[in-house]
Amino acid sequence: MTTADHKVRMPLFPLYSEVGKLLELYRGEKKDVVYGMLKSIWEHTGTPQNPVNWTDSDTWIGERLAGENGGEYGL
């Protein structure tokens, strides 16, 4: 077996290469802005007990994305 045969991938965590690209997008942003965005995303995440349907974007964009961390004028 080679080293490549022993890789473990955690499905809930992104690859380091993906995180690095994302961090470049946040360069210069205030920490509070980034954390506010992450908190807003987390609040819109469903659970197995209460799943969220994202298929009808014309409906959910107006309902879920509003205010400082979302919406047409909030970004």
N, C-alpha and C. Protein backbone atom coordinates (compact mmCIF):
# COMPACT_ATOMS: atom_id res chain seq x y z
N MET A 1 0.84 -1.20 0.00
CA MET A 1 0.00 0.00 0.00
C MET A 1 0.87 1.25 0.00
N THR A 2 0.37 2.28 -0.65
CA THR A 2 1.08 3.55 -0.66
C THR A 2 0.44 4.50 0.34
N THR A 3 1.09 5.64 0.55
CA THR A 3 0.55 6.64 1.46
C THR A 3 -0.81 7.13 1.00
N ALA A 4 -1.03 7.24 -0.29
CA ALA A 4 -2.29 7.71 -0.84
C ALA A 4 -3.45 6.78 -0.48
N ASP A 5 -3.16 5.51 -0.22
CA ASP A 5 -4.21 4.56 0.14
C ASP A 5 -4.73 4.79 1.55
N HIS A 6 -4.04 5.59 2.36
CA HIS A 6 -4.39 5.76 3.77
C HIS A 6 -4.98 7.13 4.08
N LYS A 7 -5.43 7.87 3.08
CA LYS A 7 -6.01 9.18 3.33
C LYS A 7 -7.38 9.06 3.97
N VAL A 8 -7.61 9.91 4.95
CA VAL A 8 -8.91 9.96 5.61
C VAL A 8 -9.53 11.30 5.26
N ARG A 9 -10.78 11.29 4.88
CA ARG A 9 -11.46 12.53 4.50
C ARG A 9 -12.68 12.70 5.38
N MET A 10 -12.76 13.82 6.08
CA MET A 10 -13.91 14.13 6.91
C MET A 10 -14.91 14.91 6.05
N PRO A 11 -16.07 14.37 5.77
CA PRO A 11 -17.00 15.01 4.83
C PRO A 11 -17.55 16.36 5.29
N LEU A 12 -17.54 16.64 6.57
CA LEU A 12 -18.10 17.90 7.04
C LEU A 12 -17.08 19.03 7.04
N PHE A 13 -15.83 18.72 6.75
CA PHE A 13 -14.79 19.74 6.78
C PHE A 13 -14.22 19.93 5.37
N PRO A 14 -13.97 21.18 4.98
CA PRO A 14 -13.41 21.44 3.63
C PRO A 14 -11.93 21.08 3.58
N LEU A 15 -11.43 20.92 2.37
CA LEU A 15 -10.00 20.71 2.17
C LEU A 15 -9.24 21.99 2.52
N TYR A 16 -8.00 21.85 2.96
CA TYR A 16 -7.19 23.03 3.27
C TYR A 16 -7.04 23.93 2.06
N SER A 17 -6.96 23.35 0.87
CA SER A 17 -6.83 24.17 -0.34
C SER A 17 -8.07 25.03 -0.55
N GLU A 18 -9.24 24.51 -0.21
CA GLU A 18 -10.48 25.28 -0.34
C GLU A 18 -10.54 26.39 0.70
N VAL A 19 -10.11 26.09 1.91
CA VAL A 19 -10.10 27.10 2.97
C VAL A 19 -9.15 28.24 2.61
N GLY A 20 -8.00 27.91 2.05
CA GLY A 20 -7.04 28.94 1.65
C GLY A 20 -7.62 29.90 0.63
N LYS A 21 -8.35 29.38 -0.34
CA LYS A 21 -8.99 30.23 -1.35
C LYS A 21 -10.05 31.13 -0.71
N LEU A 22 -10.80 30.56 0.21
CA LEU A 22 -11.84 31.33 0.89
C LEU A 22 -11.24 32.45 1.73
N LEU A 23 -10.15 32.15 2.41
CA LEU A 23 -9.52 33.17 3.25
C LEU A 23 -9.00 34.35 2.43
N GLU A 24 -8.59 34.09 1.20
CA GLU A 24 -8.15 35.18 0.33
C GLU A 24 -9.30 36.15 0.05
N LEU A 25 -10.52 35.63 -0.05
CA LEU A 25 -11.68 36.48 -0.30
C LEU A 25 -11.97 37.40 0.89
N TYR A 26 -11.62 36.95 2.08
CA TYR A 26 -11.91 37.72 3.30
C TYR A 26 -10.79 38.68 3.68
N ARG A 27 -9.71 38.68 2.94
CA ARG A 27 -8.57 39.55 3.28
C ARG A 27 -9.04 41.01 3.34
N GLY A 28 -8.76 41.66 4.46
CA GLY A 28 -9.11 43.06 4.65
C GLY A 28 -10.47 43.27 5.30
N GLU A 29 -11.28 42.23 5.40
CA GLU A 29 -12.59 42.36 6.04
C GLU A 29 -12.43 42.32 7.56
N LYS A 30 -13.30 43.02 8.24
CA LYS A 30 -13.28 42.99 9.70
C LYS A 30 -13.78 41.64 10.18
N LYS A 31 -13.21 41.19 11.29
CA LYS A 31 -13.59 39.90 11.86
C LYS A 31 -15.08 39.83 12.15
N ASP A 32 -15.64 40.92 12.68
CA ASP A 32 -17.07 40.94 13.02
C ASP A 32 -17.95 40.73 11.79
N VAL A 33 -17.53 41.24 10.65
CA VAL A 33 -18.30 41.07 9.41
C VAL A 33 -18.31 39.61 8.98
N VAL A 34 -17.13 38.98 9.03
CA VAL A 34 -17.03 37.57 8.64
C VAL A 34 -17.81 36.69 9.60
N TYR A 35 -17.64 36.90 10.90
CA TYR A 35 -18.38 36.10 11.88
C TYR A 35 -19.89 36.33 11.78
N GLY A 36 -20.31 37.54 11.48
CA GLY A 36 -21.72 37.82 11.29
C GLY A 36 -22.29 37.05 10.12
N MET A 37 -21.52 36.98 9.03
CA MET A 37 -21.95 36.23 7.86
C MET A 37 -22.05 34.74 8.19
N LEU A 38 -21.03 34.20 8.87
CA LEU A 38 -21.05 32.79 9.24
C LEU A 38 -22.21 32.46 10.17
N LYS A 39 -22.50 33.36 11.11
CA LYS A 39 -23.62 33.16 12.02
C LYS A 39 -24.94 33.15 11.25
N SER A 40 -25.07 34.06 10.29
CA SER A 40 -26.28 34.14 9.48
C SER A 40 -26.47 32.86 8.66
N ILE A 41 -25.40 32.35 8.08
CA ILE A 41 -25.47 31.11 7.31
C ILE A 41 -25.89 29.96 8.22
N TRP A 42 -25.29 29.89 9.41
CA TRP A 42 -25.61 28.82 10.35
C TRP A 42 -27.09 28.86 10.75
N GLU A 43 -27.62 30.06 10.94
CA GLU A 43 -29.02 30.21 11.33
C GLU A 43 -29.98 29.74 10.25
N HIS A 44 -29.52 29.71 8.99
CA HIS A 44 -30.36 29.28 7.88
C HIS A 44 -30.16 27.81 7.52
N THR A 45 -29.32 27.12 8.27
CA THR A 45 -29.04 25.72 8.00
C THR A 45 -30.11 24.86 8.65
N GLY A 46 -30.60 23.91 7.93
CA GLY A 46 -31.62 23.01 8.46
C GLY A 46 -31.01 21.92 9.33
N THR A 47 -31.86 21.11 9.89
CA THR A 47 -31.46 19.96 10.69
C THR A 47 -32.22 18.74 10.17
N PRO A 48 -31.81 17.55 10.58
CA PRO A 48 -32.58 16.37 10.17
C PRO A 48 -34.04 16.44 10.64
N GLN A 49 -34.26 17.06 11.81
CA GLN A 49 -35.61 17.18 12.34
C GLN A 49 -36.40 18.30 11.66
N ASN A 50 -35.70 19.31 11.18
CA ASN A 50 -36.34 20.46 10.54
C ASN A 50 -35.57 20.82 9.27
N PRO A 51 -35.69 20.01 8.21
CA PRO A 51 -34.92 20.27 6.99
C PRO A 51 -35.36 21.57 6.30
N VAL A 52 -34.43 22.15 5.57
CA VAL A 52 -34.69 23.38 4.84
C VAL A 52 -34.70 23.05 3.35
N ASN A 53 -35.73 23.50 2.65
CA ASN A 53 -35.86 23.27 1.21
C ASN A 53 -35.30 24.49 0.47
N TRP A 54 -34.25 24.28 -0.30
CA TRP A 54 -33.60 25.38 -1.03
C TRP A 54 -33.94 25.34 -2.52
N THR A 55 -34.90 24.53 -2.94
CA THR A 55 -35.14 24.35 -4.37
C THR A 55 -35.87 25.52 -5.04
N ASP A 56 -36.74 26.21 -4.34
CA ASP A 56 -37.51 27.31 -4.94
C ASP A 56 -36.84 28.64 -4.59
N SER A 57 -35.79 28.96 -5.32
CA SER A 57 -34.98 30.14 -4.98
C SER A 57 -35.77 31.45 -5.08
N ASP A 58 -36.73 31.54 -5.96
CA ASP A 58 -37.53 32.77 -6.07
C ASP A 58 -38.28 33.06 -4.78
N THR A 59 -38.60 32.03 -4.03
CA THR A 59 -39.31 32.21 -2.76
C THR A 59 -38.35 32.42 -1.60
N TRP A 60 -37.36 31.54 -1.45
CA TRP A 60 -36.54 31.60 -0.24
C TRP A 60 -35.56 32.76 -0.20
N ILE A 61 -35.14 33.29 -1.32
CA ILE A 61 -34.20 34.41 -1.30
C ILE A 61 -34.83 35.60 -0.59
N GLY A 62 -36.04 35.96 -0.95
CA GLY A 62 -36.72 37.07 -0.29
C GLY A 62 -37.07 36.81 1.16
N GLU A 63 -37.40 35.56 1.47
CA GLU A 63 -37.79 35.22 2.84
C GLU A 63 -36.60 35.11 3.79
N ARG A 64 -35.51 34.54 3.33
CA ARG A 64 -34.39 34.20 4.22
C ARG A 64 -33.24 35.19 4.19
N LEU A 65 -33.06 35.89 3.09
CA LEU A 65 -31.90 36.77 2.98
C LEU A 65 -32.34 38.22 3.06
N ALA A 66 -32.23 38.78 4.23
CA ALA A 66 -32.58 40.18 4.43
C ALA A 66 -31.71 40.74 5.54
N GLY A 67 -31.58 42.03 5.59
CA GLY A 67 -30.82 42.65 6.67
C GLY A 67 -29.36 42.80 6.33
N GLU A 68 -28.57 42.99 7.36
CA GLU A 68 -27.17 43.32 7.21
C GLU A 68 -26.35 42.21 6.54
N ASN A 69 -26.65 40.97 6.83
CA ASN A 69 -25.84 39.85 6.33
C ASN A 69 -26.48 39.12 5.16
N GLY A 70 -27.36 39.76 4.45
CA GLY A 70 -27.97 39.11 3.30
C GLY A 70 -28.93 40.04 2.62
N GLY A 71 -29.57 39.53 1.62
CA GLY A 71 -30.55 40.33 0.90
C GLY A 71 -29.90 41.15 -0.19
N GLU A 72 -30.73 41.72 -1.02
CA GLU A 72 -30.25 42.47 -2.19
C GLU A 72 -29.37 43.64 -1.78
N TYR A 73 -29.72 44.34 -0.72
CA TYR A 73 -28.95 45.52 -0.33
C TYR A 73 -28.08 45.28 0.90
N GLY A 74 -28.19 44.08 1.50
CA GLY A 74 -27.45 43.83 2.71
C GLY A 74 -26.02 43.37 2.49
N LEU A 75 -25.67 42.96 1.27
CA LEU A 75 -24.33 42.45 1.04
C LEU A 75 -23.34 43.54 0.73
